[in-house]
Amino acid sequence: MDQAALDNAYDQAKFAPNWDQILKRYASTSETTRQHIGAPHRLEYGATPIERIDCYATHAENAPIHVFIHGGAWILEEAKNFAFPAEMFTKAGAHFLAVDFTNVRETNGDLMPLANQVRSAIGWIYKNAASFDGNPNRIYISGHSSGAHLASVALTTNWMKDFALPADIIKGGLLVSGMYDLKPVRLSARSNYVAFTDAIEEALSPQRHLEQMASPIIVAYGTQETPEFQRQARDFTIAARGAGNDVSLLVGKELNHFEIIETLANPYGLLGRAALSQMGLSRM
């Protein structure tokens, strides 16, 4: 693969001509969701203004918690545009929490602060779950695109050593259209705004830390995604299974990178069905 092909393989817009329309739909559907179920509680997991969580609460007590990490190439989007799955989860009896975190352009290209914010958010949720009637022993995580990368970093974190928290603080993960080995990403045009180093590549490539994974995961991708994103999902699944992890692979037929995450809002959709099943919840 030459440089131009590699750059295109890490640019989803090249393979999804409707990308702009779908991003607008994320936002509009999220606004409609808020009109139906109400505005979220804005929870503070850190000291800076961006370190906040949109909490869409269910009416059930001691309810399981679904934590969502949004995508956007580490530089775009925010939690408010990913409220659209919230209604499905809250109706099924789970809290839906969408995490905000820093744009990598505001960290001089350093991905580590983003990864640490996501981990800090999860730790805060575990310690403060009772404040919103959440069950700290039933925390699940999902992520899309660069958010799947950050979610997979969280899933391959040594929680006991680094945070003095249970190794299985996350009970299950749903990783959608992510990047799990940063080497080829580093070689692509994304290095124009991400300050990749050998240390960052090693520390934040989840595929190299599978011995830390303590939870079952589901890996998903669409058949209309770029060749590299499809390969990353397959290779991560093979590697995780080889390391003895409990991994399922879902393939969204005829779905591109931006379309596939919309199925998380549908209890009968590819991702919605998988997420509810993983959490032990019924499809209403």
Protein backbone atom coordinates (compact mmCIF):
# COMPACT_ATOMS: atom_id res chain seq x y z
CA MET A 1 0.00 0.00 0.00
CA ASP A 2 1.53 3.33 -1.05
CA GLN A 3 1.30 6.52 1.01
CA ALA A 4 -1.75 7.90 -0.77
CA ALA A 5 -3.63 4.63 -0.34
CA LEU A 6 -2.68 4.46 3.35
CA ASP A 7 -3.81 8.04 3.92
CA ASN A 8 -7.14 7.27 2.25
CA ALA A 9 -7.51 4.09 4.30
CA TYR A 10 -7.50 6.20 7.47
CA ASP A 11 -9.84 8.84 6.04
CA GLN A 12 -13.39 7.52 6.32
CA ALA A 13 -14.82 10.35 4.25
CA LYS A 14 -13.14 8.82 1.19
CA PHE A 15 -15.32 5.71 1.58
CA ALA A 16 -18.51 7.34 2.88
CA PRO A 17 -19.79 10.08 0.55
CA ASN A 18 -22.77 10.66 2.86
CA TRP A 19 -20.62 11.34 5.92
CA ASP A 20 -21.65 14.98 6.34
CA GLN A 21 -25.33 14.12 6.12
CA ILE A 22 -24.95 11.43 8.78
CA LEU A 23 -23.05 13.69 11.18
CA LYS A 24 -25.87 16.21 10.91
CA ARG A 25 -28.32 13.38 11.57
CA TYR A 26 -26.43 12.39 14.75
CA ALA A 27 -26.99 15.92 16.05
CA SER A 28 -30.62 16.27 14.98
CA THR A 29 -31.61 12.82 16.24
CA SER A 30 -29.85 13.55 19.52
CA GLU A 31 -31.84 16.76 19.90
CA THR A 32 -35.06 14.85 19.22
CA THR A 33 -34.03 12.29 21.84
CA ARG A 34 -33.54 15.03 24.43
CA GLN A 35 -37.00 16.37 23.62
CA HIS A 36 -38.42 12.90 24.33
CA ILE A 37 -36.52 11.94 27.48
CA GLY A 38 -35.27 15.25 28.84
CA ALA A 39 -31.91 16.94 29.13
CA PRO A 40 -29.08 14.97 30.71
CA HIS A 41 -27.57 15.57 34.09
CA ARG A 42 -24.12 17.06 33.52
CA LEU A 43 -21.71 15.21 35.79
CA GLU A 44 -18.22 16.52 36.59
CA TYR A 45 -15.47 13.92 36.59
CA GLY A 46 -12.56 16.37 36.54
CA ALA A 47 -11.53 19.97 37.12
CA THR A 48 -11.48 21.31 33.55
CA PRO A 49 -14.69 22.42 31.79
CA ILE A 50 -14.51 19.63 29.20
CA GLU A 51 -14.30 16.88 31.83
CA ARG A 52 -18.02 16.26 31.97
CA ILE A 53 -20.43 13.39 31.38
CA ASP A 54 -23.93 13.58 29.92
CA CYS A 55 -25.99 11.26 32.12
CA TYR A 56 -29.33 10.09 30.76
CA ALA A 57 -30.83 8.30 33.73
CA THR A 58 -33.29 5.45 33.73
CA HIS A 59 -36.03 5.18 36.36
CA ALA A 60 -34.75 1.88 37.73
CA GLU A 61 -32.77 1.84 40.96
CA ASN A 62 -29.25 0.43 41.15
CA ALA A 63 -29.34 0.22 37.37
CA PRO A 64 -26.55 -0.95 35.06
CA ILE A 65 -24.49 1.74 33.35
CA HIS A 66 -23.59 2.03 29.68
CA VAL A 67 -20.68 4.41 29.05
CA PHE A 68 -20.26 5.71 25.50
CA ILE A 69 -17.04 7.19 24.08
CA HIS A 70 -17.65 9.19 20.91
CA GLY A 71 -15.51 9.22 17.80
CA GLY A 72 -14.31 12.06 15.61
CA ALA A 73 -10.67 11.28 14.74
CA TRP A 74 -9.69 12.54 18.24
CA ILE A 75 -10.38 16.09 17.02
CA LEU A 76 -14.12 16.38 16.36
CA GLU A 77 -17.51 15.91 17.99
CA GLU A 78 -18.84 16.10 21.55
CA ALA A 79 -21.07 14.07 23.82
CA LYS A 80 -24.24 16.05 23.12
CA ASN A 81 -24.31 14.79 19.51
CA PHE A 82 -24.41 11.17 20.68
CA ALA A 83 -27.57 11.19 22.76
CA PHE A 84 -29.47 9.26 20.11
CA PRO A 85 -28.89 5.79 21.69
CA ALA A 86 -29.94 7.04 25.14
CA GLU A 87 -33.67 6.37 24.85
CA MET A 88 -33.16 2.71 24.00
CA PHE A 89 -30.92 2.16 27.02
CA THR A 90 -33.04 4.09 29.51
CA LYS A 91 -36.22 2.30 28.41
CA ALA A 92 -34.41 -1.02 28.85
CA GLY A 93 -33.46 -0.08 32.42
CA ALA A 94 -29.90 1.22 32.05
CA HIS A 95 -28.27 4.60 32.51
CA PHE A 96 -26.62 5.98 29.36
CA LEU A 97 -23.53 8.10 29.99
CA ALA A 98 -21.73 9.91 27.15
CA VAL A 99 -18.26 11.20 28.04
CA ASP A 100 -16.71 14.47 26.90
CA PHE A 101 -12.93 14.78 26.69
CA THR A 102 -10.26 17.05 25.24
CA ASN A 103 -9.59 17.58 21.54
CA VAL A 104 -6.11 16.29 20.69
CA ARG A 105 -5.30 19.60 19.00
CA GLU A 106 -5.59 21.19 22.43
CA THR A 107 -2.96 18.83 23.85
CA ASN A 108 -0.29 19.56 21.23
CA GLY A 109 -1.15 16.30 19.53
CA ASP A 110 -0.68 14.13 22.62
CA LEU A 111 -3.21 11.29 22.86
CA MET A 112 -2.32 10.36 26.42
CA PRO A 113 -4.41 13.11 28.08
CA LEU A 114 -7.48 11.87 26.16
CA ALA A 115 -6.87 8.28 27.24
CA ASN A 116 -6.35 9.38 30.83
CA GLN A 117 -9.54 11.45 30.80
CA VAL A 118 -11.57 8.46 29.64
CA ARG A 119 -10.00 6.29 32.33
CA SER A 120 -10.60 8.99 34.93
CA ALA A 121 -14.25 9.21 33.86
CA ILE A 122 -14.69 5.47 34.32
CA GLY A 123 -13.06 5.58 37.73
CA TRP A 124 -15.29 8.49 38.74
CA ILE A 125 -18.39 6.64 37.55
CA TYR A 126 -17.43 3.58 39.59
CA LYS A 127 -16.87 5.62 42.75
CA ASN A 128 -19.93 7.84 42.33
CA ALA A 129 -22.49 5.51 40.76
CA ALA A 130 -24.72 5.66 43.82
CA SER A 131 -25.21 9.40 43.26
CA PHE A 132 -27.35 8.65 40.20
CA ASP A 133 -28.74 5.25 41.28
CA GLY A 134 -26.19 3.37 39.21
CA ASN A 135 -24.71 -0.03 39.96
CA PRO A 136 -20.89 0.25 40.09
CA ASN A 137 -20.61 -3.48 39.55
CA ARG A 138 -22.44 -3.33 36.22
CA ILE A 139 -20.46 -0.82 34.14
CA TYR A 140 -20.23 -1.48 30.40
CA ILE A 141 -18.46 0.59 27.76
CA SER A 142 -18.83 1.21 24.04
CA GLY A 143 -16.91 3.40 21.65
CA HIS A 144 -17.01 4.33 18.00
CA SER A 145 -14.05 5.03 15.70
CA SER A 146 -11.40 6.95 17.67
CA GLY A 147 -13.75 6.48 20.63
CA ALA A 148 -13.43 2.72 20.17
CA HIS A 149 -9.68 3.19 20.34
CA LEU A 150 -10.00 5.06 23.65
CA ALA A 151 -12.52 2.52 24.97
CA SER A 152 -10.18 -0.33 24.08
CA VAL A 153 -7.36 1.47 25.91
CA ALA A 154 -9.63 1.52 28.97
CA LEU A 155 -10.38 -2.17 28.53
CA THR A 156 -6.66 -3.00 28.45
CA THR A 157 -5.78 -0.85 31.47
CA ASN A 158 -4.31 -2.40 34.61
CA TRP A 159 -6.99 -0.96 36.86
CA MET A 160 -5.72 -2.58 40.04
CA LYS A 161 -2.14 -1.37 39.60
CA ASP A 162 -2.78 2.08 38.14
CA PHE A 163 -6.00 3.10 39.91
CA ALA A 164 -6.42 0.72 42.87
CA LEU A 165 -9.76 -0.31 41.37
CA PRO A 166 -11.11 -3.79 40.50
CA ALA A 167 -9.44 -5.39 37.50
CA ASP A 168 -12.88 -6.06 36.02
CA ILE A 169 -14.28 -2.59 36.72
CA ILE A 170 -15.67 -2.74 33.17
CA LYS A 171 -17.92 -5.76 32.79
CA GLY A 172 -18.09 -5.75 28.99
CA GLY A 173 -17.11 -3.72 25.95
CA LEU A 174 -18.55 -2.98 22.52
CA LEU A 175 -15.87 -1.67 20.16
CA VAL A 176 -17.19 -0.28 16.89
CA SER A 177 -14.99 0.57 13.91
CA GLY A 178 -11.89 1.32 15.94
CA MET A 179 -8.10 1.34 15.68
CA TYR A 180 -6.25 -1.04 17.96
CA ASP A 181 -2.67 -0.94 16.65
CA LEU A 182 -1.38 2.60 16.16
CA LYS A 183 1.60 1.71 13.96
CA PRO A 184 -0.20 2.08 10.59
CA VAL A 185 -2.14 5.08 11.92
CA ARG A 186 1.17 6.71 12.77
CA LEU A 187 2.34 6.16 9.20
CA SER A 188 -0.78 7.82 7.79
CA ALA A 189 -1.74 11.47 7.38
CA ARG A 190 -3.16 11.42 10.91
CA SER A 191 0.40 12.00 12.07
CA ASN A 192 -0.04 15.55 10.78
CA TYR A 193 -2.04 16.38 13.90
CA VAL A 194 -1.26 13.53 16.33
CA ALA A 195 2.20 13.63 17.91
CA PHE A 196 2.97 9.94 17.69
CA THR A 197 6.10 8.71 19.46
CA ASP A 198 7.42 5.23 20.08
CA ALA A 199 6.20 5.50 23.67
CA ILE A 200 2.68 6.62 22.70
CA GLU A 201 2.43 3.97 19.98
CA GLU A 202 3.36 1.27 22.46
CA ALA A 203 1.34 2.49 25.43
CA LEU A 204 -1.84 3.25 23.48
CA SER A 205 -1.96 0.28 21.11
CA PRO A 206 -4.49 -1.97 22.89
CA GLN A 207 -3.60 -4.93 20.71
CA ARG A 208 -0.24 -5.02 22.51
CA HIS A 209 -1.78 -5.16 26.00
CA LEU A 210 -4.39 -7.88 25.71
CA GLU A 211 -3.12 -9.61 28.86
CA GLN A 212 -4.76 -6.77 30.81
CA MET A 213 -8.22 -7.35 29.36
CA ALA A 214 -10.54 -8.76 32.02
CA SER A 215 -13.93 -8.47 30.31
CA PRO A 216 -15.77 -10.00 27.35
CA ILE A 217 -15.88 -7.75 24.32
CA ILE A 218 -17.73 -7.39 21.05
CA VAL A 219 -15.85 -6.01 18.05
CA ALA A 220 -17.85 -4.62 15.13
CA TYR A 221 -17.24 -3.06 11.73
CA GLY A 222 -19.13 -2.37 8.51
CA THR A 223 -18.41 -3.87 5.12
CA GLN A 224 -18.40 -0.42 3.52
CA GLU A 225 -15.63 0.90 5.76
CA THR A 226 -12.06 1.46 4.61
CA PRO A 227 -9.89 -1.63 4.13
CA GLU A 228 -7.71 -0.65 7.10
CA PHE A 229 -10.58 -0.25 9.55
CA GLN A 230 -11.94 -3.63 8.51
CA ARG A 231 -8.50 -5.20 8.89
CA GLN A 232 -7.93 -3.58 12.29
CA ALA A 233 -11.17 -5.10 13.60
CA ARG A 234 -10.39 -8.57 12.28
CA ASP A 235 -6.78 -8.56 13.45
CA PHE A 236 -7.73 -7.31 16.91
CA THR A 237 -10.35 -10.03 17.22
CA ILE A 238 -7.88 -12.74 16.22
CA ALA A 239 -5.22 -11.41 18.59
CA ALA A 240 -7.64 -11.07 21.50
CA ARG A 241 -8.94 -14.59 21.01
CA GLY A 242 -5.38 -15.83 20.79
CA ALA A 243 -4.69 -14.21 24.15
CA GLY A 244 -7.59 -16.14 25.67
CA ASN A 245 -10.12 -13.32 25.73
CA ASP A 246 -13.87 -13.75 25.20
CA VAL A 247 -14.46 -11.93 21.90
CA SER A 248 -17.37 -11.82 19.45
CA LEU A 249 -17.10 -10.27 15.99
CA LEU A 250 -20.04 -8.51 14.33
CA VAL A 251 -20.04 -7.48 10.68
CA GLY A 252 -22.51 -4.85 9.54
CA LYS A 253 -23.34 -5.70 5.95
CA GLU A 254 -23.60 -2.72 3.60
CA LEU A 255 -22.94 -0.28 6.45
CA ASN A 256 -20.25 2.37 6.27
CA HIS A 257 -18.23 3.83 9.12
CA PHE A 258 -20.80 6.47 10.00
CA GLU A 259 -23.96 4.44 9.47
CA ILE A 260 -23.05 1.50 11.70
CA ILE A 261 -23.13 3.39 15.00
CA GLU A 262 -26.73 4.48 14.35
CA THR A 263 -27.76 0.85 14.87
CA LEU A 264 -26.83 1.27 18.55
CA ALA A 265 -30.07 3.22 19.02
CA ASN A 266 -32.29 0.38 17.81
CA PRO A 267 -33.00 -2.60 20.11
CA TYR A 268 -33.34 -4.74 16.98
CA GLY A 269 -30.35 -3.19 15.21
CA LEU A 270 -26.96 -4.84 14.91
CA LEU A 271 -25.35 -2.95 17.79
CA GLY A 272 -28.40 -2.23 19.92
CA ARG A 273 -29.29 -5.90 20.08
CA ALA A 274 -25.69 -6.82 20.94
CA ALA A 275 -25.34 -4.16 23.65
CA LEU A 276 -28.58 -5.09 25.40
CA SER A 277 -27.71 -8.78 25.28
CA GLN A 278 -24.25 -8.12 26.70
CA MET A 279 -25.79 -6.18 29.59
CA GLY A 280 -28.46 -8.81 30.23
CA LEU A 281 -31.30 -6.46 29.31
CA SER A 282 -34.45 -7.23 27.35
CA ARG A 283 -35.45 -5.58 24.08
CA MET A 284 -38.58 -3.85 25.39
